[in-house]
Amino acid sequence: MKQKTRKQMKQFIQAIPAGLLLSVLTGCVMVGDRVDVNRLFVHSDPPGAQVTLSSGEKGVTPCQFLLPTRGKAMVVIEKEGYEQQEIFVEAVPSIGSVVQSVLTTGGGSRYPMEPVYEFKPNPIEVKLKRKENPAQ
């Protein structure tokens, strides 16, 4: 019996590195107090507009930002000679992850799967309007 137990233990120990590697590759491992982030993409027509987030981050279109997965932000897009645009972005649970959670837990589990959050809208795509000259 001890021989069989040792063999099982050896197989188990050999499987641990593969399991860890698989977890890391699929993003299923949480290390410490990691903060998950998602990318927010911002495009404008015409390109080259200044983008400022409520967090103070800045960029020039086309650009992208890394924001906390469950974050929200006010995005201000402006360019000389064009009207400024403000867009509110919020992370919401993706419908696919909510459906998957309900299907895998039956909707009644004490420990449902954590939903995957995504920003809405994302990408932000704006067509900037030229400022009208005031009548003289």
N, C-alpha and C. Protein backbone atom coordinates (compact mmCIF):
# COMPACT_ATOMS: atom_id res chain seq x y z
N MET A 1 0.81 -1.21 0.00
CA MET A 1 0.00 0.00 0.00
C MET A 1 0.85 1.27 0.00
N LYS A 2 1.99 1.25 0.76
CA LYS A 2 2.83 2.43 0.83
C LYS A 2 3.40 2.77 -0.54
N GLN A 3 3.71 1.77 -1.33
CA GLN A 3 4.26 1.98 -2.67
C GLN A 3 3.25 2.75 -3.53
N LYS A 4 1.97 2.35 -3.44
CA LYS A 4 0.92 3.01 -4.23
C LYS A 4 0.74 4.45 -3.75
N THR A 5 0.77 4.68 -2.45
CA THR A 5 0.61 6.02 -1.91
C THR A 5 1.76 6.92 -2.33
N ARG A 6 2.98 6.42 -2.30
CA ARG A 6 4.13 7.20 -2.73
C ARG A 6 4.02 7.57 -4.21
N LYS A 7 3.56 6.62 -5.02
CA LYS A 7 3.41 6.88 -6.44
C LYS A 7 2.37 7.98 -6.68
N GLN A 8 1.25 7.92 -5.96
CA GLN A 8 0.21 8.93 -6.09
C GLN A 8 0.73 10.30 -5.65
N MET A 9 1.49 10.31 -4.54
CA MET A 9 2.03 11.57 -4.04
C MET A 9 3.01 12.16 -5.05
N LYS A 10 3.84 11.32 -5.66
CA LYS A 10 4.80 11.78 -6.65
C LYS A 10 4.07 12.38 -7.86
N GLN A 11 2.99 11.73 -8.31
CA GLN A 11 2.21 12.24 -9.44
C GLN A 11 1.57 13.58 -9.08
N PHE A 12 1.09 13.68 -7.85
CA PHE A 12 0.46 14.92 -7.40
C PHE A 12 1.49 16.06 -7.39
N ILE A 13 2.66 15.80 -6.84
CA ILE A 13 3.71 16.82 -6.76
C ILE A 13 4.18 17.23 -8.15
N GLN A 14 4.25 16.29 -9.07
CA GLN A 14 4.66 16.62 -10.43
C GLN A 14 3.60 17.46 -11.14
N ALA A 15 2.35 17.32 -10.74
CA ALA A 15 1.27 18.08 -11.38
C ALA A 15 1.19 19.53 -10.89
N ILE A 16 1.77 19.82 -9.73
CA ILE A 16 1.66 21.17 -9.16
C ILE A 16 2.26 22.24 -10.09
N PRO A 17 3.49 22.08 -10.58
CA PRO A 17 4.02 23.14 -11.48
C PRO A 17 3.16 23.37 -12.72
N ALA A 18 2.63 22.30 -13.28
CA ALA A 18 1.77 22.46 -14.47
C ALA A 18 0.50 23.23 -14.10
N GLY A 19 -0.06 22.92 -12.95
CA GLY A 19 -1.27 23.62 -12.51
C GLY A 19 -1.01 25.09 -12.25
N LEU A 20 0.12 25.39 -11.62
CA LEU A 20 0.48 26.79 -11.37
C LEU A 20 0.70 27.54 -12.68
N LEU A 21 1.40 26.92 -13.61
CA LEU A 21 1.65 27.54 -14.91
C LEU A 21 0.34 27.82 -15.63
N LEU A 22 -0.55 26.86 -15.63
CA LEU A 22 -1.85 27.02 -16.27
C LEU A 22 -2.64 28.15 -15.62
N SER A 23 -2.60 28.23 -14.30
CA SER A 23 -3.31 29.30 -13.59
C SER A 23 -2.76 30.67 -13.96
N VAL A 24 -1.45 30.78 -14.03
CA VAL A 24 -0.84 32.07 -14.38
C VAL A 24 -1.18 32.46 -15.81
N LEU A 25 -1.09 31.50 -16.73
CA LEU A 25 -1.37 31.80 -18.13
C LEU A 25 -2.81 32.19 -18.38
N THR A 26 -3.74 31.65 -17.59
CA THR A 26 -5.15 31.98 -17.78
C THR A 26 -5.59 33.15 -16.92
N GLY A 27 -4.67 33.68 -16.11
CA GLY A 27 -5.01 34.84 -15.29
C GLY A 27 -5.84 34.51 -14.08
N CYS A 28 -5.77 33.32 -13.57
CA CYS A 28 -6.61 32.91 -12.45
C CYS A 28 -5.90 32.97 -11.11
N VAL A 29 -4.74 33.53 -11.05
CA VAL A 29 -4.02 33.59 -9.79
C VAL A 29 -4.02 35.04 -9.32
N MET A 30 -4.35 35.26 -8.05
CA MET A 30 -4.29 36.59 -7.48
C MET A 30 -3.09 36.63 -6.57
N VAL A 31 -2.21 37.55 -6.81
CA VAL A 31 -1.00 37.68 -6.02
C VAL A 31 -1.12 38.92 -5.17
N GLY A 32 -1.11 38.76 -3.85
CA GLY A 32 -1.16 39.90 -2.93
C GLY A 32 -2.41 40.73 -3.13
N ASP A 33 -2.24 42.04 -3.07
CA ASP A 33 -3.35 42.98 -3.22
C ASP A 33 -3.39 43.56 -4.61
N ARG A 34 -3.26 42.70 -5.61
CA ARG A 34 -3.24 43.14 -7.00
C ARG A 34 -4.53 43.88 -7.35
N VAL A 35 -4.40 44.95 -8.07
CA VAL A 35 -5.56 45.70 -8.55
C VAL A 35 -5.71 45.37 -10.02
N ASP A 36 -6.84 44.80 -10.39
CA ASP A 36 -7.09 44.48 -11.79
C ASP A 36 -7.35 45.77 -12.55
N VAL A 37 -6.87 45.81 -13.79
CA VAL A 37 -7.07 46.98 -14.63
C VAL A 37 -7.61 46.55 -15.99
N ASN A 38 -8.30 47.46 -16.62
CA ASN A 38 -8.79 47.28 -17.99
C ASN A 38 -8.30 48.46 -18.82
N ARG A 39 -8.22 48.25 -20.11
CA ARG A 39 -7.82 49.32 -21.03
C ARG A 39 -9.05 50.09 -21.50
N LEU A 40 -8.90 51.39 -21.54
CA LEU A 40 -9.91 52.28 -22.10
C LEU A 40 -9.28 52.92 -23.33
N PHE A 41 -9.93 52.79 -24.46
CA PHE A 41 -9.43 53.33 -25.73
C PHE A 41 -10.21 54.59 -26.08
N VAL A 42 -9.49 55.62 -26.56
CA VAL A 42 -10.13 56.88 -26.94
C VAL A 42 -9.64 57.26 -28.34
N HIS A 43 -10.61 57.50 -29.23
CA HIS A 43 -10.33 57.91 -30.62
C HIS A 43 -11.14 59.16 -30.92
N SER A 44 -10.59 60.01 -31.77
CA SER A 44 -11.35 61.19 -32.18
C SER A 44 -11.16 61.42 -33.67
N ASP A 45 -12.15 62.09 -34.24
CA ASP A 45 -12.08 62.51 -35.63
C ASP A 45 -12.29 64.02 -35.61
N PRO A 46 -11.30 64.82 -35.88
CA PRO A 46 -9.94 64.48 -36.30
C PRO A 46 -9.10 64.00 -35.12
N PRO A 47 -8.04 63.22 -35.41
CA PRO A 47 -7.15 62.78 -34.34
C PRO A 47 -6.31 63.93 -33.82
N GLY A 48 -5.60 63.69 -32.73
CA GLY A 48 -4.73 64.72 -32.17
C GLY A 48 -5.39 65.57 -31.11
N ALA A 49 -6.54 65.12 -30.60
CA ALA A 49 -7.23 65.87 -29.55
C ALA A 49 -6.63 65.52 -28.19
N GLN A 50 -6.63 66.51 -27.29
CA GLN A 50 -6.15 66.32 -25.92
C GLN A 50 -7.23 65.59 -25.12
N VAL A 51 -6.82 64.53 -24.42
CA VAL A 51 -7.74 63.76 -23.57
C VAL A 51 -7.28 63.91 -22.13
N THR A 52 -8.23 64.26 -21.25
CA THR A 52 -7.93 64.37 -19.83
C THR A 52 -8.97 63.57 -19.05
N LEU A 53 -8.48 62.68 -18.20
CA LEU A 53 -9.36 61.89 -17.34
C LEU A 53 -9.56 62.60 -16.02
N SER A 54 -10.66 62.29 -15.33
CA SER A 54 -10.92 62.90 -14.03
C SER A 54 -9.82 62.57 -13.03
N SER A 55 -9.06 61.52 -13.29
CA SER A 55 -7.93 61.15 -12.41
C SER A 55 -6.70 62.03 -12.65
N GLY A 56 -6.73 62.84 -13.72
CA GLY A 56 -5.61 63.70 -14.05
C GLY A 56 -4.72 63.14 -15.15
N GLU A 57 -4.93 61.88 -15.52
CA GLU A 57 -4.13 61.30 -16.61
C GLU A 57 -4.46 62.01 -17.91
N LYS A 58 -3.45 62.13 -18.78
CA LYS A 58 -3.63 62.83 -20.05
C LYS A 58 -3.08 62.01 -21.20
N GLY A 59 -3.60 62.27 -22.39
CA GLY A 59 -3.13 61.63 -23.60
C GLY A 59 -3.59 62.41 -24.80
N VAL A 60 -3.15 61.98 -25.97
CA VAL A 60 -3.55 62.60 -27.23
C VAL A 60 -4.09 61.50 -28.13
N THR A 61 -5.27 61.74 -28.71
CA THR A 61 -5.91 60.69 -29.52
C THR A 61 -5.11 60.39 -30.77
N PRO A 62 -5.10 59.12 -31.18
CA PRO A 62 -5.70 57.96 -30.50
C PRO A 62 -4.82 57.56 -29.31
N CYS A 63 -5.47 57.18 -28.20
CA CYS A 63 -4.71 56.81 -27.01
C CYS A 63 -5.47 55.77 -26.20
N GLN A 64 -4.79 55.26 -25.19
CA GLN A 64 -5.40 54.29 -24.30
C GLN A 64 -4.91 54.52 -22.89
N PHE A 65 -5.73 54.11 -21.92
CA PHE A 65 -5.42 54.28 -20.52
C PHE A 65 -5.69 52.97 -19.80
N LEU A 66 -4.93 52.70 -18.74
CA LEU A 66 -5.21 51.57 -17.86
C LEU A 66 -5.92 52.12 -16.64
N LEU A 67 -7.13 51.62 -16.40
CA LEU A 67 -7.94 52.08 -15.27
C LEU A 67 -8.33 50.90 -14.41
N PRO A 68 -8.57 51.13 -13.11
CA PRO A 68 -9.04 50.04 -12.24
C PRO A 68 -10.29 49.39 -12.83
N THR A 69 -10.33 48.07 -12.75
CA THR A 69 -11.41 47.30 -13.36
C THR A 69 -12.80 47.81 -12.97
N ARG A 70 -12.96 48.17 -11.74
CA ARG A 70 -14.29 48.64 -11.30
C ARG A 70 -14.36 50.15 -11.20
N GLY A 71 -13.54 50.81 -11.99
CA GLY A 71 -13.47 52.26 -11.91
C GLY A 71 -14.52 52.97 -12.75
N LYS A 72 -14.51 54.27 -12.62
CA LYS A 72 -15.32 55.14 -13.48
C LYS A 72 -14.54 56.42 -13.66
N ALA A 73 -14.84 57.12 -14.72
CA ALA A 73 -14.08 58.33 -15.01
C ALA A 73 -14.88 59.26 -15.91
N MET A 74 -14.58 60.53 -15.77
CA MET A 74 -15.06 61.53 -16.72
C MET A 74 -13.93 61.76 -17.70
N VAL A 75 -14.23 61.66 -18.97
CA VAL A 75 -13.24 61.81 -20.02
C VAL A 75 -13.55 63.10 -20.77
N VAL A 76 -12.58 64.01 -20.79
CA VAL A 76 -12.76 65.29 -21.49
C VAL A 76 -11.86 65.26 -22.72
N ILE A 77 -12.48 65.53 -23.88
CA ILE A 77 -11.76 65.52 -25.15
C ILE A 77 -11.87 66.91 -25.76
N GLU A 78 -10.72 67.52 -26.06
CA GLU A 78 -10.74 68.88 -26.60
C GLU A 78 -9.62 69.09 -27.60
N LYS A 79 -9.92 69.95 -28.55
CA LYS A 79 -8.94 70.31 -29.59
C LYS A 79 -9.21 71.74 -30.01
N GLU A 80 -8.13 72.47 -30.24
CA GLU A 80 -8.24 73.87 -30.66
C GLU A 80 -9.16 73.99 -31.88
N GLY A 81 -10.14 74.89 -31.78
CA GLY A 81 -11.06 75.13 -32.89
C GLY A 81 -12.27 74.21 -32.90
N TYR A 82 -12.36 73.30 -31.92
CA TYR A 82 -13.47 72.33 -31.85
C TYR A 82 -14.15 72.42 -30.49
N GLU A 83 -15.42 72.03 -30.46
CA GLU A 83 -16.15 72.00 -29.20
C GLU A 83 -15.64 70.87 -28.31
N GLN A 84 -15.55 71.16 -27.03
CA GLN A 84 -15.12 70.17 -26.05
C GLN A 84 -16.21 69.12 -25.85
N GLN A 85 -15.81 67.88 -25.65
CA GLN A 85 -16.77 66.80 -25.38
C GLN A 85 -16.42 66.14 -24.06
N GLU A 86 -17.43 65.82 -23.29
CA GLU A 86 -17.24 65.12 -22.01
C GLU A 86 -18.03 63.82 -22.05
N ILE A 87 -17.37 62.74 -21.68
CA ILE A 87 -18.02 61.43 -21.72
C ILE A 87 -17.76 60.73 -20.40
N PHE A 88 -18.83 60.23 -19.78
CA PHE A 88 -18.72 59.48 -18.54
C PHE A 88 -18.54 58.00 -18.86
N VAL A 89 -17.53 57.37 -18.27
CA VAL A 89 -17.23 55.96 -18.50
C VAL A 89 -17.35 55.24 -17.17
N GLU A 90 -18.00 54.08 -17.20
CA GLU A 90 -18.17 53.31 -15.97
C GLU A 90 -17.96 51.83 -16.26
N ALA A 91 -17.33 51.14 -15.32
CA ALA A 91 -17.14 49.70 -15.45
C ALA A 91 -18.43 49.00 -15.02
N VAL A 92 -18.92 48.12 -15.87
CA VAL A 92 -20.13 47.35 -15.57
C VAL A 92 -19.83 45.87 -15.78
N PRO A 93 -20.54 44.99 -15.06
CA PRO A 93 -20.32 43.56 -15.29
C PRO A 93 -20.71 43.19 -16.71
N SER A 94 -19.85 42.44 -17.38
CA SER A 94 -20.18 42.02 -18.74
C SER A 94 -21.29 40.99 -18.67
N ILE A 95 -22.22 41.04 -19.60
CA ILE A 95 -23.37 40.14 -19.59
C ILE A 95 -22.93 38.69 -19.69
N GLY A 96 -21.86 38.42 -20.44
CA GLY A 96 -21.37 37.06 -20.58
C GLY A 96 -20.92 36.48 -19.25
N SER A 97 -20.22 37.30 -18.42
CA SER A 97 -19.74 36.78 -17.15
C SER A 97 -20.88 36.59 -16.16
N VAL A 98 -21.92 37.43 -16.24
CA VAL A 98 -23.08 37.27 -15.37
C VAL A 98 -23.82 35.98 -15.71
N VAL A 99 -24.03 35.74 -17.01
CA VAL A 99 -24.71 34.51 -17.44
C VAL A 99 -23.89 33.30 -17.04
N GLN A 100 -22.58 33.34 -17.24
CA GLN A 100 -21.72 32.22 -16.86
C GLN A 100 -21.80 31.95 -15.37
N SER A 101 -21.83 33.00 -14.56
CA SER A 101 -21.90 32.84 -13.11
C SER A 101 -23.20 32.16 -12.71
N VAL A 102 -24.31 32.58 -13.32
CA VAL A 102 -25.61 31.99 -13.00
C VAL A 102 -25.64 30.53 -13.44
N LEU A 103 -25.12 30.24 -14.62
CA LEU A 103 -25.15 28.86 -15.12
C LEU A 103 -24.25 27.93 -14.31
N THR A 104 -23.08 28.41 -13.88
CA THR A 104 -22.16 27.53 -13.16
C THR A 104 -22.51 27.38 -11.70
N THR A 105 -23.21 28.37 -11.11
CA THR A 105 -23.55 28.28 -9.69
C THR A 105 -25.03 28.02 -9.47
N GLY A 106 -25.80 28.04 -10.54
CA GLY A 106 -27.24 27.85 -10.40
C GLY A 106 -27.93 29.07 -9.84
N GLY A 107 -27.20 30.15 -9.71
CA GLY A 107 -27.79 31.38 -9.21
C GLY A 107 -28.00 31.39 -7.72
N GLY A 108 -27.74 30.27 -7.02
CA GLY A 108 -28.02 30.22 -5.60
C GLY A 108 -26.82 29.90 -4.75
N SER A 109 -25.64 29.96 -5.30
CA SER A 109 -24.45 29.63 -4.54
C SER A 109 -24.10 30.76 -3.58
N ARG A 110 -23.54 30.42 -2.44
CA ARG A 110 -23.04 31.44 -1.52
C ARG A 110 -21.78 32.08 -2.06
N TYR A 111 -21.10 31.39 -2.98
CA TYR A 111 -19.84 31.87 -3.53
C TYR A 111 -19.91 31.92 -5.05
N PRO A 112 -20.69 32.84 -5.60
CA PRO A 112 -20.78 32.91 -7.06
C PRO A 112 -19.46 33.38 -7.65
N MET A 113 -19.27 33.09 -8.92
CA MET A 113 -18.05 33.55 -9.61
C MET A 113 -18.06 35.08 -9.68
N GLU A 114 -16.90 35.65 -9.57
CA GLU A 114 -16.76 37.11 -9.67
C GLU A 114 -17.01 37.52 -11.13
N PRO A 115 -17.93 38.46 -11.37
CA PRO A 115 -18.16 38.87 -12.75
C PRO A 115 -16.96 39.61 -13.32
N VAL A 116 -16.84 39.57 -14.63
CA VAL A 116 -15.80 40.31 -15.33
C VAL A 116 -16.38 41.68 -15.67
N TYR A 117 -15.63 42.72 -15.35
CA TYR A 117 -16.11 44.08 -15.61
C TYR A 117 -15.49 44.62 -16.89
N GLU A 118 -16.26 45.45 -17.59
CA GLU A 118 -15.77 46.11 -18.80
C GLU A 118 -16.30 47.54 -18.81
N PHE A 119 -15.55 48.42 -19.44
CA PHE A 119 -15.95 49.82 -19.49
C PHE A 119 -17.00 50.04 -20.56
N LYS A 120 -17.95 50.90 -20.23
CA LYS A 120 -18.97 51.32 -21.18
C LYS A 120 -18.98 52.83 -21.18
N PRO A 121 -18.84 53.51 -22.29
CA PRO A 121 -18.51 52.97 -23.60
C PRO A 121 -17.01 52.68 -23.69
N ASN A 122 -16.66 51.75 -24.52
CA ASN A 122 -15.26 51.43 -24.81
C ASN A 122 -15.21 50.66 -26.11
N PRO A 123 -14.58 51.17 -27.13
CA PRO A 123 -13.79 52.39 -27.14
C PRO A 123 -14.68 53.64 -27.19
N ILE A 124 -14.10 54.74 -26.76
CA ILE A 124 -14.76 56.04 -26.93
C ILE A 124 -14.38 56.54 -28.31
N GLU A 125 -15.37 56.83 -29.12
CA GLU A 125 -15.13 57.34 -30.48
C GLU A 125 -15.98 58.60 -30.65
N VAL A 126 -15.31 59.72 -30.83
CA VAL A 126 -16.04 60.98 -30.97
C VAL A 126 -15.68 61.67 -32.27
N LYS A 127 -16.69 62.30 -32.86
CA LYS A 127 -16.48 63.17 -34.02
C LYS A 127 -16.59 64.58 -33.47
N LEU A 128 -15.46 65.27 -33.45
CA LEU A 128 -15.45 66.62 -32.90
C LEU A 128 -16.13 67.60 -33.86
N LYS A 129 -16.91 68.53 -33.28
CA LYS A 129 -17.61 69.54 -34.08
C LYS A 129 -16.82 70.84 -34.03
N ARG A 130 -16.67 71.44 -35.21
CA ARG A 130 -15.98 72.74 -35.29
C ARG A 130 -16.78 73.78 -34.52
N LYS A 131 -16.06 74.67 -33.85
CA LYS A 131 -16.71 75.77 -33.16
C LYS A 131 -17.23 76.74 -34.22
N GLU A 132 -18.43 77.25 -33.96
CA GLU A 132 -18.99 78.22 -34.90
C GLU A 132 -18.48 79.60 -34.51
N ASN A 133 -18.14 80.40 -35.52
CA ASN A 133 -17.69 81.77 -35.25
C ASN A 133 -18.91 82.59 -34.86
N PRO A 134 -18.77 83.38 -33.77
CA PRO A 134 -19.91 84.23 -33.39
C PRO A 134 -20.17 85.29 -34.46
N ALA A 135 -21.46 85.59 -34.64
CA ALA A 135 -21.84 86.58 -35.66
C ALA A 135 -21.28 87.94 -35.27
N GLN A 136 -20.77 88.67 -36.27
CA GLN A 136 -20.17 89.99 -36.00
C GLN A 136 -21.07 91.08 -36.41
